[in-house]
């Protein structure tokens, strides 16, 4: 089967990661880069592909089979609308939009033009997450009761010095990091119907939060508790436990999610499973049957690119749709509102 030609807009760190994936893909090939920056000239030369400074120029002169948008967040919707108007399938890096209103505009345009759009929540393509979801869906845990989650890590001072906007409202972990976690929680436990939250900036003293405690209610009746912090010297985050991104130091004995049901519990990503041997003989006095669920570790960005190829060809529906991206954004907005008002926010 002939490889699909994929153009990538945005030559930053994540854009370059996608470029490497496209060049190694069995289904796609990197056809061009779109970026107006001076640094993109060398990046395109090293990749051996043409460089365009605008999407308009790319579409007019070198129309690809699909476009991947790895540009700054505020450009996601305007550029996606350009792709939709041109009838080009598009993969949009998360978040799908910066506001719900923007996202709704994108959804309307996509539906009216029947364009294929995939949102880049790459953990949805993680083999570890797929296996965890398989265990939950199988009923081995029984009826879901609770989930404990964490994204606790330490961002170095240089992170804020290089981007001073991160010290101001909108630059904190709720809006930057929590959108990943929300999608993971929705994958594993279903839709979130209400949230509560406390925030603190007591450690760094910036105008934005550095630590957040979040309570969640799911449509199934299960409850969740999530700890988020970018100033906690802890390895309990997906990046530091999953071993999927080799740029992070990983710890094979740590978990960032524990999902518990009426029959057992699953720790993710170590995949340690504890279940009662007999459903009729469950008690905290009884021993669990302990095992480790077999799974593989592989780069989810690679799987996402192959899936995008299937979406372009029309052989698969987007695993993460614009509606999914919007719902993730809606939950994140609700968490921020709950923290600001001190009230329960229902979705």
Protein backbone atom coordinates (compact mmCIF):
# COMPACT_ATOMS: atom_id res chain seq x y z
CA UNK A 1 0.00 0.00 0.00
CA UNK A 2 1.34 3.42 -0.96
CA UNK A 3 2.45 5.54 1.99
CA UNK A 4 0.37 8.60 2.86
CA UNK A 5 2.07 11.99 2.67
CA UNK A 6 1.84 13.80 6.01
CA UNK A 7 2.80 17.45 6.50
CA UNK A 8 3.58 18.69 9.99
CA UNK A 9 2.90 22.27 11.08
CA UNK A 10 5.06 23.34 13.99
CA UNK A 11 8.76 22.48 14.29
CA UNK A 12 9.01 22.63 18.08
CA UNK A 13 9.87 19.71 20.35
CA UNK A 14 6.60 17.81 19.89
CA UNK A 15 6.55 18.60 16.16
CA UNK A 16 10.05 17.16 15.79
CA UNK A 17 8.97 14.04 17.69
CA UNK A 18 6.12 13.57 15.20
CA UNK A 19 8.55 14.11 12.31
CA UNK A 20 10.74 11.25 13.48
CA UNK A 21 7.68 9.03 13.87
CA UNK A 22 6.42 9.88 10.37
CA UNK A 23 9.81 9.13 8.82
CA UNK A 24 9.87 5.70 10.46
CA UNK A 25 6.21 4.89 9.84
CA UNK A 26 5.10 1.89 7.79
CA UNK A 27 1.98 3.79 6.62
CA UNK A 28 3.09 7.41 6.31
CA UNK A 29 5.94 9.55 5.13
CA UNK A 30 6.88 13.11 6.07
CA UNK A 31 6.16 15.29 3.03
CA UNK A 32 6.73 18.83 4.31
CA UNK A 33 7.11 21.10 7.33
CA UNK A 34 5.17 24.31 7.95
CA UNK A 35 6.79 26.85 10.26
CA UNK A 36 7.71 30.53 9.82
CA UNK A 37 10.64 30.48 12.27
CA UNK A 38 14.28 30.75 11.21
CA UNK A 39 15.17 27.60 13.16
CA UNK A 40 12.78 25.57 11.00
CA UNK A 41 15.03 26.02 7.95
CA UNK A 42 17.71 23.74 9.37
CA UNK A 43 15.15 21.27 10.75
CA UNK A 44 13.54 20.89 7.31
CA UNK A 45 16.94 20.53 5.66
CA UNK A 46 17.93 17.78 8.09
CA UNK A 47 14.62 16.01 7.46
CA UNK A 48 15.10 16.34 3.70
CA UNK A 49 11.66 17.87 3.07
CA UNK A 50 10.39 21.23 1.82
CA UNK A 51 9.63 24.03 4.26
CA UNK A 52 6.59 26.31 3.93
CA UNK A 53 5.95 29.37 6.06
CA UNK A 54 2.15 29.13 5.88
CA UNK A 55 -0.52 26.48 5.56
CA UNK A 56 -1.91 28.38 2.56
CA UNK A 57 1.37 27.94 0.68
CA UNK A 58 1.56 24.25 1.55
CA UNK A 59 -2.00 23.52 0.43
CA UNK A 60 -1.61 25.49 -2.79
CA UNK A 61 1.79 24.12 -3.80
CA UNK A 62 2.24 20.70 -2.19
CA UNK A 63 -1.08 19.34 -1.00
CA UNK A 64 -0.50 16.40 1.39
CA UNK A 65 -2.86 13.55 2.31
CA UNK A 66 -3.13 14.82 5.87
CA UNK A 67 -1.81 17.55 8.15
CA UNK A 68 -0.62 17.25 11.75
CA UNK A 69 -0.89 20.45 13.79
CA UNK A 70 1.80 20.69 16.48
CA UNK A 71 1.58 24.47 16.72
CA UNK A 72 0.94 26.68 19.78
CA UNK A 73 -2.45 26.08 21.41
CA UNK A 74 -4.05 29.33 20.25
CA UNK A 75 -3.44 28.35 16.61
CA UNK A 76 -5.10 24.92 16.83
CA UNK A 77 -8.62 25.96 15.91
CA UNK A 78 -7.81 28.64 13.25
CA UNK A 79 -5.42 26.26 11.48
CA UNK A 80 -7.75 23.27 11.81
CA UNK A 81 -10.50 25.35 10.21
CA UNK A 82 -8.14 26.05 7.29
CA UNK A 83 -7.54 22.33 6.85
CA UNK A 84 -11.26 21.57 7.07
CA UNK A 85 -12.05 24.24 4.46
CA UNK A 86 -9.49 22.59 2.18
CA UNK A 87 -11.00 19.15 2.80
CA UNK A 88 -7.83 17.81 4.40
CA UNK A 89 -7.84 15.28 7.27
CA UNK A 90 -6.11 16.74 10.32
CA UNK A 91 -4.54 15.55 13.57
CA UNK A 92 -4.68 18.33 16.19
CA UNK A 93 -2.33 18.21 19.16
CA UNK A 94 -4.09 18.56 22.51
CA UNK A 95 -5.77 20.67 23.73
CA UNK A 96 -8.25 20.71 20.88
CA UNK A 97 -8.98 24.39 21.62
CA UNK A 98 -8.22 27.09 24.17
CA UNK A 99 -11.90 27.72 24.96
CA UNK A 100 -15.10 25.69 24.75
CA UNK A 101 -16.59 28.26 22.37
CA UNK A 102 -13.67 27.83 19.99
CA UNK A 103 -13.92 24.08 20.23
CA UNK A 104 -17.63 24.14 19.46
CA UNK A 105 -16.91 26.22 16.35
CA UNK A 106 -14.44 23.57 15.23
CA UNK A 107 -16.90 20.76 15.89
CA UNK A 108 -19.62 22.49 13.85
CA UNK A 109 -17.29 23.08 10.90
CA UNK A 110 -16.04 19.49 11.02
CA UNK A 111 -19.56 18.05 11.02
CA UNK A 112 -20.78 20.37 8.27
CA UNK A 113 -17.83 19.49 6.02
CA UNK A 114 -17.65 15.81 7.09
CA UNK A 115 -13.89 16.16 7.57
CA UNK A 116 -11.83 13.51 9.37
CA UNK A 117 -10.27 15.02 12.51
CA UNK A 118 -8.22 13.20 15.15
CA UNK A 119 -7.24 14.88 18.45
CA UNK A 120 -3.75 14.14 19.75
CA UNK A 121 -4.34 12.75 23.23
CA UNK A 122 -1.56 10.25 22.63
CA UNK A 123 -2.09 8.23 25.84
CA UNK A 124 -5.26 6.90 24.22
CA UNK A 125 -2.90 4.94 21.93
CA UNK A 126 -0.75 3.56 24.77
CA UNK A 127 -0.71 -0.27 24.88
CA UNK A 128 -0.58 0.01 28.69
CA UNK A 129 -3.76 2.09 28.80
CA UNK A 130 -5.44 -0.24 26.32
CA UNK A 131 -4.66 -3.23 28.55
CA UNK A 132 -5.84 -1.41 31.70
CA UNK A 133 -9.11 -0.52 29.98
CA UNK A 134 -9.47 -4.15 28.88
CA UNK A 135 -9.15 -5.32 32.50
CA UNK A 136 -11.69 -2.76 33.76
CA UNK A 137 -14.15 -3.55 30.95
CA UNK A 138 -13.80 -7.30 31.53
CA UNK A 139 -15.49 -7.04 34.93
CA UNK A 140 -12.58 -8.63 36.81
CA UNK A 141 -12.65 -5.73 39.28
CA UNK A 142 -16.42 -5.96 39.75
CA UNK A 143 -18.47 -2.78 39.94
CA UNK A 144 -16.16 0.24 39.95
CA UNK A 145 -15.95 1.96 43.33
CA UNK A 146 -13.04 4.38 43.23
CA UNK A 147 -9.91 5.59 41.53
CA UNK A 148 -6.88 7.19 43.16
CA UNK A 149 -4.73 9.17 40.73
CA UNK A 150 -1.70 11.38 40.82
CA UNK A 151 0.43 13.55 38.57
CA UNK A 152 3.12 14.72 40.97
CA UNK A 153 6.44 15.90 39.56
CA UNK A 154 8.94 18.74 39.93
CA UNK A 155 9.31 21.29 37.15
CA UNK A 156 12.75 22.95 37.35
CA UNK A 157 13.21 26.69 37.77
CA UNK A 158 14.37 26.98 34.15
CA UNK A 159 10.90 25.90 33.01
CA UNK A 160 9.47 29.12 34.43
CA UNK A 161 12.44 31.33 33.53
CA UNK A 162 12.16 30.25 29.88
CA UNK A 163 8.39 30.85 29.87
CA UNK A 164 7.40 33.56 32.39
CA UNK A 165 3.76 33.23 31.25
CA UNK A 166 3.73 29.92 33.16
CA UNK A 167 3.84 31.87 36.43
CA UNK A 168 0.55 33.60 35.61
CA UNK A 169 -3.09 32.48 35.55
CA UNK A 170 -3.56 29.90 32.80
CA UNK A 171 0.01 28.68 33.03
CA UNK A 172 -0.44 26.25 35.89
CA UNK A 173 -0.79 22.47 35.94
CA UNK A 174 -4.61 22.52 35.80
CA UNK A 175 -4.70 23.82 32.25
CA UNK A 176 -1.33 22.49 31.05
CA UNK A 177 -1.15 19.00 32.56
CA UNK A 178 -4.58 17.96 33.83
CA UNK A 179 -6.09 17.66 30.35
CA UNK A 180 -3.95 14.50 29.83
CA UNK A 181 -5.19 13.02 33.09
CA UNK A 182 -8.83 13.79 32.40
CA UNK A 183 -8.74 11.80 29.18
CA UNK A 184 -7.07 8.87 30.95
CA UNK A 185 -9.66 8.94 33.73
CA UNK A 186 -12.52 9.05 31.22
CA UNK A 187 -11.02 6.13 29.29
CA UNK A 188 -10.71 3.98 32.39
CA UNK A 189 -13.74 4.97 34.46
CA UNK A 190 -16.27 6.65 32.17
CA UNK A 191 -17.75 10.11 32.10
CA UNK A 192 -17.11 12.63 34.88
CA UNK A 193 -20.27 14.30 36.16
CA UNK A 194 -19.08 16.55 39.01
CA UNK A 195 -15.84 17.95 40.46
CA UNK A 196 -14.53 19.72 43.54
CA UNK A 197 -11.05 21.19 43.94
CA UNK A 198 -8.63 23.01 46.25
CA UNK A 199 -5.56 24.81 44.93
CA UNK A 200 -2.42 26.15 46.57
CA UNK A 201 0.47 28.33 45.47
CA UNK A 202 2.18 28.17 48.86
CA UNK A 203 5.39 26.59 47.55
CA UNK A 204 6.40 28.84 44.68
CA UNK A 205 4.20 31.81 45.45
CA UNK A 206 3.35 32.47 41.80
CA UNK A 207 0.04 33.99 40.74
CA UNK A 208 -0.97 30.55 39.50
CA UNK A 209 -1.50 27.27 41.38
CA UNK A 210 1.33 24.78 41.87
CA UNK A 211 -0.67 22.08 43.71
CA UNK A 212 -4.27 20.90 43.32
CA UNK A 213 -6.43 18.38 45.19
CA UNK A 214 -9.37 17.21 43.10
CA UNK A 215 -12.46 15.11 43.84
CA UNK A 216 -14.44 13.56 40.99
CA UNK A 217 -17.79 11.85 40.59
CA UNK A 218 -18.32 9.50 37.65
CA UNK A 219 -21.57 8.66 35.89
CA UNK A 220 -21.31 5.08 37.17
CA UNK A 221 -21.42 6.31 40.77
CA UNK A 222 -17.70 5.69 41.31
CA UNK A 223 -15.69 8.42 43.04
CA UNK A 224 -12.16 9.60 42.37
CA UNK A 225 -9.47 11.54 44.16
CA UNK A 226 -6.59 13.08 42.22
CA UNK A 227 -3.44 14.87 43.40
CA UNK A 228 -1.77 17.22 40.93
CA UNK A 229 1.44 19.16 41.58
CA UNK A 230 4.34 20.51 39.56
CA UNK A 231 6.38 21.27 42.66
CA UNK A 232 6.28 17.87 44.39
CA UNK A 233 9.52 15.89 44.39
CA UNK A 234 7.73 12.68 43.48
CA UNK A 235 7.88 10.17 40.61
CA UNK A 236 4.14 9.43 40.70
CA UNK A 237 3.24 10.71 37.27
CA UNK A 238 2.52 8.90 34.01
CA UNK A 239 5.75 10.16 32.45
CA UNK A 240 7.85 8.84 35.33
CA UNK A 241 6.11 5.48 35.66
CA UNK A 242 5.01 4.32 32.19
CA UNK A 243 8.55 4.19 30.70
CA UNK A 244 7.05 5.26 27.36
CA UNK A 245 8.97 8.54 27.00
CA UNK A 246 12.66 7.81 27.40
CA UNK A 247 13.40 11.48 28.10
CA UNK A 248 12.06 10.97 31.64
CA UNK A 249 13.71 8.95 34.37
CA UNK A 250 11.28 6.13 35.14
CA UNK A 251 10.61 4.02 38.21
CA UNK A 252 9.25 0.55 37.51
CA UNK A 253 7.85 0.07 41.04
CA UNK A 254 5.69 3.22 41.09
CA UNK A 255 2.07 3.69 39.99
CA UNK A 256 0.01 6.76 39.22
CA UNK A 257 -3.48 5.18 39.16
CA UNK A 258 -5.17 2.62 41.40
CA UNK A 259 -8.61 1.51 40.25
CA UNK A 260 -10.73 -0.40 42.77
CA UNK A 261 -13.96 -2.30 42.34
CA UNK A 262 -16.09 -4.62 44.45
CA UNK A 263 -14.00 -7.68 43.47
CA UNK A 264 -10.47 -6.36 43.12
CA UNK A 265 -8.08 -3.56 42.23
CA UNK A 266 -5.61 -2.73 39.46
CA UNK A 267 -2.52 -0.53 39.83
CA UNK A 268 -1.42 1.26 36.64
CA UNK A 269 1.09 1.17 34.98
CA UNK A 270 2.74 -1.69 36.91
CA UNK A 271 -0.45 -3.64 36.15
CA UNK A 272 -0.45 -5.33 39.57
CA UNK A 273 -3.84 -7.01 39.93
CA UNK A 274 -5.37 -8.09 43.23
CA UNK A 275 -8.68 -9.95 43.20
CA UNK A 276 -10.62 -12.17 45.58
CA UNK A 277 -10.56 -15.81 44.41
CA UNK A 278 -14.25 -16.33 45.25
CA UNK A 279 -16.86 -13.62 44.83
CA UNK A 280 -18.98 -15.07 47.64
CA UNK A 281 -16.07 -14.98 50.10
CA UNK A 282 -14.84 -11.38 50.02
CA UNK A 283 -13.51 -9.83 53.22
CA UNK A 284 -10.66 -7.68 54.42
CA UNK A 285 -9.65 -10.75 56.45
CA UNK A 286 -9.17 -12.79 53.27
CA UNK A 287 -6.09 -12.96 51.07
CA UNK A 288 -6.10 -11.58 47.55
CA UNK A 289 -5.05 -13.53 44.53
CA UNK A 290 -2.11 -11.44 43.25
CA UNK A 291 -0.82 -11.30 39.68
CA UNK A 292 0.66 -8.95 37.10
CA UNK A 293 -1.33 -8.41 33.92
CA UNK A 294 0.79 -9.07 30.83
CA UNK A 295 1.27 -6.09 28.56
CA UNK A 296 3.81 -4.47 26.28
CA UNK A 297 5.38 -1.03 26.37
CA UNK A 298 5.60 0.86 23.11
CA UNK A 299 5.64 4.47 21.95
CA UNK A 300 2.01 5.71 21.79
CA UNK A 301 3.00 8.42 19.30
CA UNK A 302 3.92 5.65 16.85
CA UNK A 303 0.54 3.97 17.29
CA UNK A 304 -1.20 7.33 16.96
CA UNK A 305 0.46 7.99 13.59
CA UNK A 306 -0.60 4.59 12.26
CA UNK A 307 -4.14 5.25 13.50
CA UNK A 308 -4.13 8.65 11.78
CA UNK A 309 -3.30 6.86 8.53
CA UNK A 310 -6.33 4.61 9.04
CA UNK A 311 -8.50 7.66 9.78
CA UNK A 312 -7.30 9.34 6.57
CA UNK A 313 -8.08 6.21 4.54
CA UNK A 314 -11.51 5.95 6.17
CA UNK A 315 -10.87 2.50 7.61
CA UNK A 316 -11.13 3.70 11.24
CA UNK A 317 -13.09 6.30 13.17
CA UNK A 318 -10.96 8.68 15.28
CA UNK A 319 -10.12 7.05 18.60
CA UNK A 320 -10.11 10.54 20.13
CA UNK A 321 -12.72 12.71 18.45
CA UNK A 322 -13.27 16.46 18.60
CA UNK A 323 -16.16 15.73 20.96
CA UNK A 324 -13.74 13.84 23.23
CA UNK A 325 -11.29 16.72 23.14
CA UNK A 326 -14.08 19.14 24.00
CA UNK A 327 -15.26 17.00 26.91
CA UNK A 328 -11.70 16.87 28.29
CA UNK A 329 -11.55 20.66 28.07
CA UNK A 330 -14.97 20.96 29.71
CA UNK A 331 -13.82 18.91 32.73
CA UNK A 332 -10.59 20.90 33.06
CA UNK A 333 -12.58 24.15 32.97
CA UNK A 334 -14.88 22.76 35.66
CA UNK A 335 -11.90 21.92 37.88
CA UNK A 336 -10.55 25.45 37.51
CA UNK A 337 -14.00 26.88 38.31
CA UNK A 338 -14.46 24.61 41.32
CA UNK A 339 -11.08 25.69 42.70
CA UNK A 340 -11.89 29.36 42.12
CA UNK A 341 -15.37 29.29 43.69
CA UNK A 342 -14.93 26.57 46.29
CA UNK A 343 -18.15 25.00 45.05
CA UNK A 344 -19.17 21.66 43.58
CA UNK A 345 -19.34 22.02 39.79
CA UNK A 346 -21.65 19.67 37.92
CA UNK A 347 -21.05 18.80 34.27
